[in-house]
Amino acid sequence: VQLQASGGGLVQPGGSLRLSCAASTSIRSFNSIAWYRQDIGKQRDLVALISSGGSTNYADSVKGRFTISRDSAKNTVYLQMNSLKPEDTAVYYCNAISYSNVYWGQGTLVTVSS
């Protein structure tokens, strides 16, 4: 299983980005798919998660600003990020869990700066 993350870049505070995580297999096979982020010198933290049933969870710091969604036909999960803040700057990773198997994609860098 491969996860390909894309969509990162440089954006000004208040701007928006949409990250994509494309899976090499059907995303219906996963129990959950999530986005994590990691800033330099910090731990990797959960940002948003979508379960196989469609329920979602968000870190408190992104609630109301970020939205996780999926397109099963494209085997892709998205993270729409609005009202971005400098503290959202990090490398963002997608993660998928299928029973006892955990998969990580490569990171995509998001930089929020004026």
N, C-alpha and C. Protein backbone atom coordinates (compact mmCIF):
# COMPACT_ATOMS: atom_id res chain seq x y z
N VAL A 1 0.85 -1.19 0.00
CA VAL A 1 0.00 0.00 0.00
C VAL A 1 0.88 1.24 0.00
N GLN A 2 0.56 2.16 -0.89
CA GLN A 2 1.29 3.43 -0.93
C GLN A 2 0.31 4.58 -0.78
N LEU A 3 0.74 5.59 -0.03
CA LEU A 3 -0.03 6.80 0.14
C LEU A 3 0.79 7.96 -0.39
N GLN A 4 0.20 8.72 -1.31
CA GLN A 4 0.91 9.83 -1.93
C GLN A 4 0.24 11.14 -1.51
N ALA A 5 0.96 11.90 -0.69
CA ALA A 5 0.44 13.19 -0.24
C ALA A 5 0.92 14.30 -1.15
N SER A 6 0.06 15.28 -1.38
CA SER A 6 0.42 16.41 -2.22
C SER A 6 -0.43 17.62 -1.83
N GLY A 7 -0.05 18.77 -2.37
CA GLY A 7 -0.85 19.97 -2.17
C GLY A 7 -0.25 21.00 -1.23
N GLY A 8 0.87 20.69 -0.61
CA GLY A 8 1.48 21.65 0.27
C GLY A 8 2.07 22.82 -0.49
N GLY A 9 2.48 23.84 0.27
CA GLY A 9 3.09 25.00 -0.36
C GLY A 9 3.16 26.16 0.61
N LEU A 10 3.47 27.30 0.06
CA LEU A 10 3.57 28.54 0.83
C LEU A 10 2.27 29.33 0.66
N VAL A 11 1.70 29.75 1.78
CA VAL A 11 0.45 30.51 1.74
C VAL A 11 0.51 31.59 2.81
N GLN A 12 -0.15 32.69 2.55
CA GLN A 12 -0.19 33.78 3.53
C GLN A 12 -1.18 33.47 4.63
N PRO A 13 -0.99 34.04 5.80
CA PRO A 13 -1.98 33.88 6.87
C PRO A 13 -3.37 34.28 6.39
N GLY A 14 -4.34 33.47 6.77
CA GLY A 14 -5.71 33.69 6.32
C GLY A 14 -6.05 32.97 5.03
N GLY A 15 -5.05 32.42 4.37
CA GLY A 15 -5.27 31.75 3.10
C GLY A 15 -5.72 30.31 3.27
N SER A 16 -5.85 29.64 2.12
CA SER A 16 -6.35 28.26 2.10
C SER A 16 -5.45 27.36 1.26
N LEU A 17 -5.46 26.09 1.61
CA LEU A 17 -4.79 25.05 0.83
C LEU A 17 -5.64 23.79 0.93
N ARG A 18 -5.53 22.95 -0.09
CA ARG A 18 -6.17 21.65 -0.02
C ARG A 18 -5.10 20.57 -0.24
N LEU A 19 -4.94 19.73 0.74
CA LEU A 19 -4.02 18.60 0.64
C LEU A 19 -4.77 17.38 0.12
N SER A 20 -4.06 16.55 -0.63
CA SER A 20 -4.61 15.31 -1.14
C SER A 20 -3.75 14.14 -0.71
N CYS A 21 -4.39 13.03 -0.41
CA CYS A 21 -3.70 11.78 -0.07
C CYS A 21 -4.30 10.70 -0.98
N ALA A 22 -3.53 10.31 -1.98
CA ALA A 22 -3.99 9.30 -2.93
C ALA A 22 -3.45 7.94 -2.53
N ALA A 23 -4.34 6.97 -2.40
CA ALA A 23 -3.95 5.62 -2.01
C ALA A 23 -3.83 4.72 -3.23
N SER A 24 -2.94 3.74 -3.13
CA SER A 24 -2.72 2.81 -4.24
C SER A 24 -3.73 1.67 -4.24
N THR A 25 -4.60 1.68 -3.23
CA THR A 25 -5.65 0.67 -3.15
C THR A 25 -6.95 1.34 -2.71
N SER A 26 -8.01 0.59 -2.71
CA SER A 26 -9.30 1.16 -2.33
C SER A 26 -9.27 1.68 -0.90
N ILE A 27 -9.70 2.92 -0.73
CA ILE A 27 -9.69 3.48 0.63
C ILE A 27 -10.79 2.84 1.48
N ARG A 28 -11.70 2.13 0.85
CA ARG A 28 -12.72 1.40 1.60
C ARG A 28 -12.11 0.27 2.43
N SER A 29 -10.86 -0.11 2.10
CA SER A 29 -10.21 -1.20 2.82
C SER A 29 -9.63 -0.74 4.15
N PHE A 30 -9.63 0.56 4.38
CA PHE A 30 -9.01 1.08 5.59
C PHE A 30 -10.04 1.31 6.69
N ASN A 31 -9.65 1.08 7.92
CA ASN A 31 -10.51 1.38 9.06
C ASN A 31 -10.60 2.89 9.28
N SER A 32 -9.50 3.58 9.00
CA SER A 32 -9.49 5.02 9.13
C SER A 32 -8.36 5.59 8.29
N ILE A 33 -8.52 6.84 7.91
CA ILE A 33 -7.47 7.60 7.24
C ILE A 33 -7.37 8.94 7.95
N ALA A 34 -6.15 9.38 8.17
CA ALA A 34 -5.96 10.58 8.97
C ALA A 34 -4.84 11.44 8.39
N TRP A 35 -4.85 12.68 8.82
CA TRP A 35 -3.76 13.61 8.56
C TRP A 35 -3.09 13.94 9.89
N TYR A 36 -1.78 13.87 9.89
CA TYR A 36 -0.96 14.28 11.02
C TYR A 36 -0.06 15.41 10.55
N ARG A 37 0.49 16.13 11.50
CA ARG A 37 1.48 17.14 11.15
C ARG A 37 2.59 17.16 12.19
N GLN A 38 3.76 17.59 11.70
CA GLN A 38 4.93 17.63 12.56
C GLN A 38 5.77 18.84 12.22
N ASP A 39 5.98 19.68 13.22
CA ASP A 39 6.85 20.83 13.06
C ASP A 39 8.24 20.44 13.56
N ILE A 40 9.22 21.22 13.18
CA ILE A 40 10.60 20.91 13.55
C ILE A 40 10.74 20.87 15.06
N GLY A 41 11.32 19.78 15.55
CA GLY A 41 11.57 19.64 16.98
C GLY A 41 10.37 19.27 17.81
N LYS A 42 9.24 19.00 17.14
CA LYS A 42 8.02 18.68 17.86
C LYS A 42 7.55 17.28 17.48
N GLN A 43 6.63 16.76 18.26
CA GLN A 43 6.08 15.44 17.96
C GLN A 43 5.07 15.53 16.83
N ARG A 44 4.79 14.38 16.25
CA ARG A 44 3.79 14.31 15.19
C ARG A 44 2.40 14.22 15.84
N ASP A 45 1.53 15.13 15.48
CA ASP A 45 0.21 15.21 16.11
C ASP A 45 -0.91 14.95 15.11
N LEU A 46 -1.97 14.36 15.60
CA LEU A 46 -3.15 14.13 14.78
C LEU A 46 -3.84 15.46 14.49
N VAL A 47 -4.19 15.66 13.22
CA VAL A 47 -4.90 16.85 12.80
C VAL A 47 -6.38 16.52 12.55
N ALA A 48 -6.62 15.49 11.75
CA ALA A 48 -8.00 15.14 11.40
C ALA A 48 -8.04 13.68 11.00
N LEU A 49 -9.18 13.05 11.24
CA LEU A 49 -9.35 11.64 10.93
C LEU A 49 -10.75 11.39 10.40
N ILE A 50 -10.82 10.48 9.43
CA ILE A 50 -12.13 10.05 8.94
C ILE A 50 -12.17 8.52 9.01
N SER A 51 -13.23 8.01 9.60
CA SER A 51 -13.33 6.56 9.76
C SER A 51 -13.98 5.93 8.54
N SER A 52 -13.98 4.61 8.50
CA SER A 52 -14.60 3.92 7.39
C SER A 52 -16.10 4.22 7.32
N GLY A 53 -16.68 4.52 8.46
CA GLY A 53 -18.11 4.85 8.49
C GLY A 53 -18.40 6.30 8.16
N GLY A 54 -17.35 7.09 8.01
CA GLY A 54 -17.54 8.49 7.62
C GLY A 54 -17.50 9.48 8.76
N SER A 55 -17.38 9.01 9.99
CA SER A 55 -17.29 9.95 11.10
C SER A 55 -15.92 10.62 11.10
N THR A 56 -15.89 11.84 11.60
CA THR A 56 -14.66 12.63 11.57
C THR A 56 -14.30 13.13 12.97
N ASN A 57 -13.02 13.33 13.16
CA ASN A 57 -12.50 13.92 14.39
C ASN A 57 -11.42 14.92 14.02
N TYR A 58 -11.34 15.98 14.82
CA TYR A 58 -10.38 17.03 14.55
C TYR A 58 -9.66 17.43 15.82
N ALA A 59 -8.42 17.86 15.66
CA ALA A 59 -7.71 18.48 16.77
C ALA A 59 -8.42 19.79 17.10
N ASP A 60 -8.43 20.13 18.37
CA ASP A 60 -9.11 21.36 18.79
C ASP A 60 -8.57 22.58 18.05
N SER A 61 -7.30 22.57 17.76
CA SER A 61 -6.66 23.74 17.16
C SER A 61 -7.11 23.99 15.72
N VAL A 62 -7.74 22.99 15.07
CA VAL A 62 -8.15 23.17 13.68
C VAL A 62 -9.65 23.10 13.48
N LYS A 63 -10.39 22.82 14.54
CA LYS A 63 -11.85 22.72 14.41
C LYS A 63 -12.43 24.03 13.86
N GLY A 64 -13.33 23.87 12.90
CA GLY A 64 -13.95 25.03 12.28
C GLY A 64 -13.14 25.63 11.14
N ARG A 65 -11.90 25.19 10.98
CA ARG A 65 -11.05 25.72 9.91
C ARG A 65 -10.67 24.64 8.89
N PHE A 66 -10.48 23.43 9.35
CA PHE A 66 -10.06 22.33 8.47
C PHE A 66 -11.21 21.35 8.29
N THR A 67 -11.27 20.74 7.12
CA THR A 67 -12.28 19.74 6.83
C THR A 67 -11.63 18.56 6.12
N ILE A 68 -11.84 17.37 6.66
CA ILE A 68 -11.36 16.15 6.02
C ILE A 68 -12.51 15.52 5.25
N SER A 69 -12.20 15.03 4.05
CA SER A 69 -13.24 14.41 3.24
C SER A 69 -12.59 13.33 2.38
N ARG A 70 -13.42 12.56 1.69
CA ARG A 70 -12.88 11.48 0.88
C ARG A 70 -13.67 11.34 -0.41
N ASP A 71 -12.99 10.81 -1.41
CA ASP A 71 -13.61 10.47 -2.68
C ASP A 71 -13.23 9.02 -2.96
N SER A 72 -14.14 8.13 -2.66
CA SER A 72 -13.83 6.71 -2.80
C SER A 72 -13.56 6.31 -4.24
N ALA A 73 -14.21 6.98 -5.17
CA ALA A 73 -14.00 6.66 -6.59
C ALA A 73 -12.57 6.97 -7.02
N LYS A 74 -11.97 7.97 -6.37
CA LYS A 74 -10.59 8.35 -6.70
C LYS A 74 -9.59 7.80 -5.70
N ASN A 75 -10.07 7.07 -4.69
CA ASN A 75 -9.18 6.55 -3.64
C ASN A 75 -8.34 7.65 -3.03
N THR A 76 -8.97 8.76 -2.76
CA THR A 76 -8.26 9.94 -2.29
C THR A 76 -8.98 10.56 -1.09
N VAL A 77 -8.19 10.99 -0.14
CA VAL A 77 -8.69 11.73 1.02
C VAL A 77 -8.11 13.13 0.95
N TYR A 78 -8.94 14.10 1.30
CA TYR A 78 -8.54 15.50 1.21
C TYR A 78 -8.53 16.15 2.59
N LEU A 79 -7.73 17.18 2.70
CA LEU A 79 -7.77 18.04 3.88
C LEU A 79 -7.87 19.47 3.39
N GLN A 80 -9.05 20.04 3.50
CA GLN A 80 -9.25 21.44 3.13
C GLN A 80 -8.89 22.29 4.34
N MET A 81 -7.94 23.19 4.15
CA MET A 81 -7.46 24.02 5.24
C MET A 81 -7.74 25.47 4.92
N ASN A 82 -8.58 26.09 5.74
CA ASN A 82 -8.94 27.49 5.57
C ASN A 82 -8.46 28.31 6.76
N SER A 83 -8.45 29.60 6.58
CA SER A 83 -8.04 30.52 7.66
C SER A 83 -6.71 30.08 8.27
N LEU A 84 -5.76 29.80 7.44
CA LEU A 84 -4.48 29.26 7.91
C LEU A 84 -3.73 30.28 8.75
N LYS A 85 -3.04 29.75 9.75
CA LYS A 85 -2.27 30.56 10.69
C LYS A 85 -0.80 30.14 10.62
N PRO A 86 0.10 31.01 11.02
CA PRO A 86 1.52 30.64 11.02
C PRO A 86 1.78 29.37 11.84
N GLU A 87 1.03 29.16 12.88
CA GLU A 87 1.24 27.97 13.71
C GLU A 87 0.77 26.68 13.02
N ASP A 88 0.14 26.78 11.87
CA ASP A 88 -0.20 25.60 11.09
C ASP A 88 0.97 25.11 10.24
N THR A 89 2.03 25.88 10.23
CA THR A 89 3.22 25.50 9.47
C THR A 89 3.78 24.18 9.99
N ALA A 90 3.94 23.22 9.10
CA ALA A 90 4.43 21.89 9.48
C ALA A 90 4.52 21.03 8.23
N VAL A 91 5.12 19.86 8.41
CA VAL A 91 5.03 18.82 7.39
C VAL A 91 3.78 17.99 7.71
N TYR A 92 2.93 17.84 6.73
CA TYR A 92 1.68 17.11 6.90
C TYR A 92 1.82 15.71 6.28
N TYR A 93 1.40 14.71 7.05
CA TYR A 93 1.50 13.32 6.62
C TYR A 93 0.11 12.68 6.61
N CYS A 94 -0.14 11.85 5.62
CA CYS A 94 -1.36 11.06 5.68
C CYS A 94 -1.04 9.67 6.22
N ASN A 95 -2.03 9.12 6.86
CA ASN A 95 -1.88 7.87 7.60
C ASN A 95 -3.13 7.03 7.36
N ALA A 96 -2.94 5.75 7.18
CA ALA A 96 -4.09 4.86 7.00
C ALA A 96 -3.89 3.61 7.86
N ILE A 97 -4.97 3.15 8.43
CA ILE A 97 -4.94 1.95 9.27
C ILE A 97 -5.90 0.92 8.71
N SER A 98 -5.38 -0.28 8.54
CA SER A 98 -6.19 -1.39 8.10
C SER A 98 -5.95 -2.53 9.06
N TYR A 99 -6.87 -2.70 10.01
CA TYR A 99 -6.72 -3.68 11.08
C TYR A 99 -5.40 -3.42 11.81
N SER A 100 -4.44 -4.31 11.77
CA SER A 100 -3.21 -4.10 12.53
C SER A 100 -2.11 -3.45 11.70
N ASN A 101 -2.42 -3.11 10.48
CA ASN A 101 -1.41 -2.51 9.60
C ASN A 101 -1.56 -0.99 9.58
N VAL A 102 -0.43 -0.32 9.70
CA VAL A 102 -0.39 1.14 9.69
C VAL A 102 0.48 1.59 8.53
N TYR A 103 -0.04 2.50 7.74
CA TYR A 103 0.68 3.00 6.57
C TYR A 103 0.85 4.52 6.67
N TRP A 104 1.99 4.99 6.22
CA TRP A 104 2.28 6.42 6.20
C TRP A 104 2.66 6.84 4.78
N GLY A 105 2.22 8.00 4.41
CA GLY A 105 2.68 8.60 3.17
C GLY A 105 3.88 9.49 3.45
N GLN A 106 4.51 9.97 2.39
CA GLN A 106 5.58 10.93 2.58
C GLN A 106 4.94 12.26 2.96
N GLY A 107 5.65 13.12 3.55
CA GLY A 107 5.08 14.39 4.00
C GLY A 107 4.98 15.41 2.89
N THR A 108 4.12 16.38 3.13
CA THR A 108 4.04 17.54 2.25
C THR A 108 4.11 18.78 3.13
N LEU A 109 4.99 19.70 2.77
CA LEU A 109 5.28 20.85 3.61
C LEU A 109 4.26 21.96 3.38
N VAL A 110 3.72 22.44 4.48
CA VAL A 110 2.83 23.60 4.46
C VAL A 110 3.51 24.71 5.24
N THR A 111 3.70 25.85 4.60
CA THR A 111 4.32 27.00 5.24
C THR A 111 3.34 28.17 5.17
N VAL A 112 3.00 28.68 6.34
CA VAL A 112 2.08 29.81 6.42
C VAL A 112 2.88 31.02 6.89
N SER A 113 3.08 31.95 5.98
CA SER A 113 3.94 33.08 6.29
C SER A 113 3.63 34.24 5.35
N SER A 114 3.80 35.44 5.88
CA SER A 114 3.62 36.62 5.03
C SER A 114 4.96 37.06 4.46
